[in-house]
């Protein structure tokens, strides 16, 4: 729930990054906000992003570009999550987000604003109820006659997002491979967590040799160390194939001070460019060579 709320606040913050007093031909940050929120094309959103980010988006592969455009259409993203974004008649409220089929709504207002005419900082408040508010701090620059978001701060989550730094643009590159990598590592960490819990529960045994010991007991069977119920049945195996990857668990050293290895490698080298390795240290290591990753490979950055 907190992850989803943080994601929504980031989306709302990117939308609400405009509101000011300058009535030049560029319009106001508030007008830019409404334009971004209600945009039907990614180009409309992009003109309110820093130039460095705009250039990086233009250099993406065709697949990454299509995925980035989907994420830039913020109003559509919120709609896909079951919420509707509207511009209210109330001049004191910038935007309203309402959950479909519910009376629950969030209002976005400008609490404080500092504007030099070419630079602006706004403190926004997202109010969902009388006793629930979240603040968002936004920095904007007027570039090429357009108001553009440069930074978003979410104080409640201790998170700062700098849209004009190269690291931010990288999140749009190789998206499918990154999402695949996250799922692969999720499986490996699930195994690792389970075997650590097993070793704590049965210190005399240490890490298991066979992951079937970590599965649930079958009907009519008793539990105990033979069925620790730490993994679902389809995960309680030393070898399995998921997401186009072959996973392998191996006990390297038995006993209380034991060690183990978890390896994930693309089947036939097709699904991704990386192979992964995880051991008792908890450090994920990777290689882009067509082989198993090992403890000697570089750690994942």
Protein backbone atom coordinates (compact mmCIF):
# COMPACT_ATOMS: atom_id res chain seq x y z
CA UNK A 1 0.00 0.00 0.00
CA UNK A 2 2.82 2.42 0.87
CA UNK A 3 4.58 1.66 -2.44
CA UNK A 4 1.40 2.35 -4.40
CA UNK A 5 0.77 5.56 -2.43
CA UNK A 6 4.34 6.74 -3.06
CA UNK A 7 3.95 5.98 -6.76
CA UNK A 8 0.73 7.94 -6.95
CA UNK A 9 2.24 10.87 -5.09
CA UNK A 10 5.15 10.91 -7.55
CA UNK A 11 2.72 10.92 -10.44
CA UNK A 12 0.65 13.66 -8.83
CA UNK A 13 3.79 15.62 -8.03
CA UNK A 14 4.93 15.50 -11.65
CA UNK A 15 1.50 16.68 -12.70
CA UNK A 16 1.22 19.40 -10.11
CA UNK A 17 4.54 20.92 -10.83
CA UNK A 18 3.04 24.10 -12.21
CA UNK A 19 1.37 27.16 -10.66
CA UNK A 20 2.60 30.73 -10.78
CA UNK A 21 1.91 34.38 -11.46
CA UNK A 22 3.70 35.13 -14.71
CA UNK A 23 1.22 35.67 -17.54
CA UNK A 24 3.75 35.69 -20.40
CA UNK A 25 3.19 33.94 -23.72
CA UNK A 26 4.48 30.82 -21.98
CA UNK A 27 1.41 30.80 -19.79
CA UNK A 28 1.64 29.86 -16.14
CA UNK A 29 2.94 26.76 -14.42
CA UNK A 30 -0.67 26.08 -13.43
CA UNK A 31 -1.71 26.03 -17.07
CA UNK A 32 1.21 23.75 -17.86
CA UNK A 33 0.04 21.45 -15.08
CA UNK A 34 -3.42 21.11 -16.54
CA UNK A 35 -1.93 20.52 -19.98
CA UNK A 36 0.26 17.70 -18.68
CA UNK A 37 -2.51 16.15 -16.63
CA UNK A 38 -4.98 16.03 -19.49
CA UNK A 39 -2.47 15.27 -22.26
CA UNK A 40 -3.48 12.77 -24.90
CA UNK A 41 -0.01 12.62 -26.46
CA UNK A 42 3.43 12.15 -24.91
CA UNK A 43 4.77 15.15 -26.87
CA UNK A 44 2.49 17.45 -24.86
CA UNK A 45 4.01 16.18 -21.62
CA UNK A 46 7.59 16.18 -22.91
CA UNK A 47 7.65 19.90 -23.64
CA UNK A 48 7.35 20.46 -19.88
CA UNK A 49 10.36 18.25 -19.08
CA UNK A 50 14.04 19.34 -18.86
CA UNK A 51 15.90 19.44 -22.16
CA UNK A 52 18.39 16.77 -21.07
CA UNK A 53 15.54 14.37 -20.33
CA UNK A 54 13.78 15.26 -23.59
CA UNK A 55 16.93 14.43 -25.56
CA UNK A 56 17.42 11.16 -23.68
CA UNK A 57 13.84 10.11 -24.43
CA UNK A 58 14.37 10.81 -28.13
CA UNK A 59 17.40 8.50 -28.15
CA UNK A 60 15.58 5.49 -26.70
CA UNK A 61 14.98 2.34 -28.68
CA UNK A 62 11.58 2.00 -30.32
CA UNK A 63 10.38 -0.39 -27.59
CA UNK A 64 11.66 1.75 -24.71
CA UNK A 65 10.26 4.86 -26.34
CA UNK A 66 6.77 3.32 -26.51
CA UNK A 67 6.93 2.28 -22.85
CA UNK A 68 8.17 5.72 -21.80
CA UNK A 69 5.32 7.42 -23.63
CA UNK A 70 2.82 5.27 -21.73
CA UNK A 71 4.32 6.37 -18.41
CA UNK A 72 4.36 10.04 -19.41
CA UNK A 73 0.60 10.06 -19.92
CA UNK A 74 0.01 10.52 -16.22
CA UNK A 75 -3.74 10.97 -16.34
CA UNK A 76 -4.13 7.75 -18.30
CA UNK A 77 -1.87 5.90 -15.83
CA UNK A 78 -4.02 7.00 -12.91
CA UNK A 79 -7.11 5.95 -14.83
CA UNK A 80 -5.62 2.49 -15.36
CA UNK A 81 -5.14 2.28 -11.59
CA UNK A 82 -8.82 2.96 -11.03
CA UNK A 83 -8.73 6.71 -10.47
CA UNK A 84 -10.04 9.67 -12.45
CA UNK A 85 -8.27 13.01 -12.67
CA UNK A 86 -10.34 16.17 -13.28
CA UNK A 87 -9.95 19.95 -13.29
CA UNK A 88 -12.49 21.37 -10.80
CA UNK A 89 -14.49 24.58 -11.08
CA UNK A 90 -13.09 25.64 -7.70
CA UNK A 91 -10.22 28.03 -8.46
CA UNK A 92 -8.61 27.18 -5.12
CA UNK A 93 -8.07 23.54 -6.17
CA UNK A 94 -5.72 22.63 -9.02
CA UNK A 95 -6.75 19.05 -9.61
CA UNK A 96 -9.01 16.41 -8.12
CA UNK A 97 -8.31 12.69 -8.17
CA UNK A 98 -11.29 10.45 -7.40
CA UNK A 99 -11.39 6.69 -7.10
CA UNK A 100 -13.90 5.19 -9.50
CA UNK A 101 -17.01 3.85 -7.79
CA UNK A 102 -16.07 5.58 -4.55
CA UNK A 103 -16.63 8.89 -2.79
CA UNK A 104 -12.95 9.00 -1.89
CA UNK A 105 -11.18 11.94 -3.53
CA UNK A 106 -7.89 13.77 -3.23
CA UNK A 107 -7.50 17.51 -3.81
CA UNK A 108 -4.26 19.15 -4.90
CA UNK A 109 -3.67 22.74 -3.80
CA UNK A 110 -0.76 25.20 -3.84
CA UNK A 111 0.16 26.01 -0.25
CA UNK A 112 3.17 28.29 -0.86
CA UNK A 113 4.84 29.64 -3.98
CA UNK A 114 8.05 31.53 -4.79
CA UNK A 115 8.42 32.72 -8.38
CA UNK A 116 11.11 34.90 -9.95
CA UNK A 117 9.55 34.76 -13.41
CA UNK A 118 12.11 32.28 -14.73
CA UNK A 119 12.40 29.97 -11.70
CA UNK A 120 9.70 28.78 -9.35
CA UNK A 121 9.37 26.67 -6.22
CA UNK A 122 5.98 25.44 -5.06
CA UNK A 123 4.84 23.64 -1.97
CA UNK A 124 1.80 21.60 -2.88
CA UNK A 125 -0.50 19.77 -0.54
CA UNK A 126 -2.39 16.63 -1.48
CA UNK A 127 -5.42 16.38 0.81
CA UNK A 128 -7.45 13.18 0.90
CA UNK A 129 -9.37 13.93 4.09
CA UNK A 130 -9.41 16.55 6.81
CA UNK A 131 -6.85 14.62 8.83
CA UNK A 132 -4.76 13.31 5.92
CA UNK A 133 -2.42 15.55 3.92
CA UNK A 134 0.87 15.04 2.11
CA UNK A 135 3.18 17.83 0.96
CA UNK A 136 5.15 17.91 -2.26
CA UNK A 137 7.91 20.39 -3.12
CA UNK A 138 8.55 21.24 -6.76
CA UNK A 139 11.17 23.24 -8.61
CA UNK A 140 10.57 24.57 -12.14
CA UNK A 141 12.47 26.56 -14.74
CA UNK A 142 11.22 28.57 -17.68
CA UNK A 143 13.14 27.20 -20.67
CA UNK A 144 12.48 27.98 -24.34
CA UNK A 145 9.26 29.70 -23.31
CA UNK A 146 7.93 26.59 -21.53
CA UNK A 147 7.64 25.87 -17.80
CA UNK A 148 9.55 22.64 -17.08
CA UNK A 149 9.83 20.49 -13.95
CA UNK A 150 13.40 20.03 -12.72
CA UNK A 151 12.99 18.49 -9.26
CA UNK A 152 10.35 16.84 -7.09
CA UNK A 153 10.71 16.27 -3.34
CA UNK A 154 8.45 13.96 -1.33
CA UNK A 155 9.34 14.83 2.29
CA UNK A 156 7.07 12.16 3.78
CA UNK A 157 8.99 9.44 1.92
CA UNK A 158 12.42 11.15 2.20
CA UNK A 159 12.64 10.99 -1.58
CA UNK A 160 14.11 13.49 -4.03
CA UNK A 161 13.72 13.13 -7.79
CA UNK A 162 15.94 15.23 -10.06
CA UNK A 163 14.47 15.10 -13.55
CA UNK A 164 17.38 17.00 -15.10
CA UNK A 165 20.07 14.47 -14.12
CA UNK A 166 21.22 11.62 -16.42
CA UNK A 167 20.40 9.01 -13.77
CA UNK A 168 16.71 9.82 -14.01
CA UNK A 169 16.68 9.32 -17.78
CA UNK A 170 18.26 5.87 -17.35
CA UNK A 171 15.09 4.53 -15.73
CA UNK A 172 13.45 4.66 -19.17
CA UNK A 173 16.18 2.59 -20.84
CA UNK A 174 15.96 -1.21 -21.22
CA UNK A 175 12.76 -1.21 -19.17
CA UNK A 176 11.63 -4.74 -20.03
CA UNK A 177 15.03 -6.21 -19.20
CA UNK A 178 15.08 -4.31 -15.90
CA UNK A 179 11.60 -5.53 -15.01
CA UNK A 180 12.60 -9.07 -15.97
CA UNK A 181 15.76 -8.76 -13.87
CA UNK A 182 13.68 -7.64 -10.87
CA UNK A 183 11.45 -10.70 -11.17
CA UNK A 184 14.46 -13.02 -11.54
CA UNK A 185 16.15 -11.56 -8.47
CA UNK A 186 12.86 -11.74 -6.58
CA UNK A 187 12.79 -15.51 -7.05
CA UNK A 188 16.41 -15.83 -5.96
CA UNK A 189 15.90 -13.69 -2.87
CA UNK A 190 12.82 -15.75 -1.97
CA UNK A 191 14.94 -18.89 -2.00
CA UNK A 192 17.70 -17.17 -0.03
CA UNK A 193 15.30 -15.86 2.61
CA UNK A 194 13.72 -19.29 3.01
CA UNK A 195 17.01 -21.16 3.47
CA UNK A 196 18.19 -18.55 6.00
CA UNK A 197 14.97 -18.99 7.98
CA UNK A 198 15.44 -22.77 7.81
CA UNK A 199 19.00 -22.50 9.16
CA UNK A 200 17.77 -20.33 12.05
CA UNK A 201 14.93 -22.74 12.85
CA UNK A 202 17.23 -25.79 12.68
CA UNK A 203 20.71 -24.56 13.70
CA UNK A 204 22.11 -28.08 14.04
CA UNK A 205 21.29 -28.75 10.39
CA UNK A 206 22.15 -25.38 8.88
CA UNK A 207 21.24 -24.74 5.26
CA UNK A 208 19.23 -27.50 3.57
CA UNK A 209 20.57 -29.74 0.84
CA UNK A 210 17.14 -30.21 -0.71
CA UNK A 211 14.61 -27.38 -1.01
CA UNK A 212 11.74 -29.84 -0.84
CA UNK A 213 12.33 -29.69 2.94
CA UNK A 214 11.17 -26.07 2.80
CA UNK A 215 7.80 -26.86 1.23
CA UNK A 216 4.50 -27.53 3.02
CA UNK A 217 3.57 -30.98 4.29
CA UNK A 218 1.29 -32.99 2.05
CA UNK A 219 -2.14 -34.15 3.08
CA UNK A 220 -1.86 -36.59 5.99
CA UNK A 221 1.82 -35.74 6.55
CA UNK A 222 3.31 -34.12 9.62
CA UNK A 223 5.48 -31.01 9.51
CA UNK A 224 8.84 -30.73 11.22
CA UNK A 225 12.21 -30.22 9.58
CA UNK A 226 11.16 -32.36 6.60
CA UNK A 227 8.40 -29.87 5.74
CA UNK A 228 9.32 -26.43 7.06
CA UNK A 229 6.51 -24.70 5.11
CA UNK A 230 8.76 -21.81 4.04
CA UNK A 231 8.15 -22.10 0.29
CA UNK A 232 5.15 -22.74 -1.90
CA UNK A 233 5.11 -26.22 -3.48
CA UNK A 234 6.07 -24.91 -6.93
CA UNK A 235 9.10 -23.15 -5.42
CA UNK A 236 10.32 -25.97 -3.17
CA UNK A 237 12.63 -27.54 -5.75
CA UNK A 238 16.38 -27.35 -6.31
CA UNK A 239 15.85 -26.63 -10.00
CA UNK A 240 13.06 -24.82 -11.78
CA UNK A 241 12.45 -22.81 -14.93
CA UNK A 242 10.65 -19.46 -14.82
CA UNK A 243 10.57 -16.35 -17.00
CA UNK A 244 12.82 -18.04 -19.54
CA UNK A 245 15.50 -18.61 -16.88
CA UNK A 246 16.85 -21.82 -15.37
CA UNK A 247 17.26 -21.53 -11.58
CA UNK A 248 19.48 -23.81 -9.50
CA UNK A 249 20.03 -24.10 -5.75
CA UNK A 250 23.14 -25.93 -4.52
CA UNK A 251 24.41 -26.56 -0.98
CA UNK A 252 28.16 -25.80 -1.04
CA UNK A 253 28.95 -26.52 2.59
CA UNK A 254 26.75 -28.19 5.18
CA UNK A 255 26.45 -27.43 8.88
CA UNK A 256 25.81 -24.33 10.98
CA UNK A 257 28.55 -22.37 9.16
CA UNK A 258 27.51 -23.59 5.75
CA UNK A 259 27.24 -21.89 2.39
CA UNK A 260 25.00 -22.19 -0.64
CA UNK A 261 24.75 -20.89 -4.19
CA UNK A 262 21.73 -19.81 -6.19
CA UNK A 263 22.24 -19.38 -9.93
CA UNK A 264 19.87 -18.09 -12.60
CA UNK A 265 20.85 -18.31 -16.25
CA UNK A 266 18.86 -17.59 -19.42
CA UNK A 267 17.62 -20.72 -21.15
CA UNK A 268 19.54 -20.93 -24.45
CA UNK A 269 20.82 -17.43 -23.76
CA UNK A 270 17.64 -15.83 -25.15
CA UNK A 271 15.52 -14.14 -22.42
CA UNK A 272 18.10 -11.61 -21.20
CA UNK A 273 21.73 -10.63 -21.33
CA UNK A 274 22.58 -11.40 -17.72
CA UNK A 275 23.15 -14.44 -15.55
CA UNK A 276 22.82 -14.03 -11.76
CA UNK A 277 24.57 -15.50 -8.71
CA UNK A 278 23.64 -15.26 -5.02
CA UNK A 279 25.27 -16.90 -1.99
CA UNK A 280 25.20 -16.66 1.80
CA UNK A 281 26.72 -13.16 1.68
CA UNK A 282 23.53 -11.79 0.14
CA UNK A 283 25.48 -10.01 -2.63
CA UNK A 284 23.91 -10.40 -6.06
CA UNK A 285 26.54 -10.90 -8.77
CA UNK A 286 26.01 -10.81 -12.52
CA UNK A 287 27.71 -11.52 -15.81
CA UNK A 288 26.70 -10.77 -19.38
CA UNK A 289 28.83 -13.64 -20.69
CA UNK A 290 27.08 -16.80 -21.91
CA UNK A 291 27.79 -18.84 -18.77
CA UNK A 292 26.76 -19.25 -15.15
CA UNK A 293 27.53 -16.28 -12.94
CA UNK A 294 29.92 -17.03 -10.06
CA UNK A 295 31.16 -15.54 -6.79
CA UNK A 296 34.03 -13.98 -8.75
CA UNK A 297 31.79 -11.84 -10.92
CA UNK A 298 31.07 -8.18 -10.29
CA UNK A 299 28.33 -7.28 -7.81
CA UNK A 300 25.17 -5.74 -9.21
CA UNK A 301 25.26 -1.96 -8.97
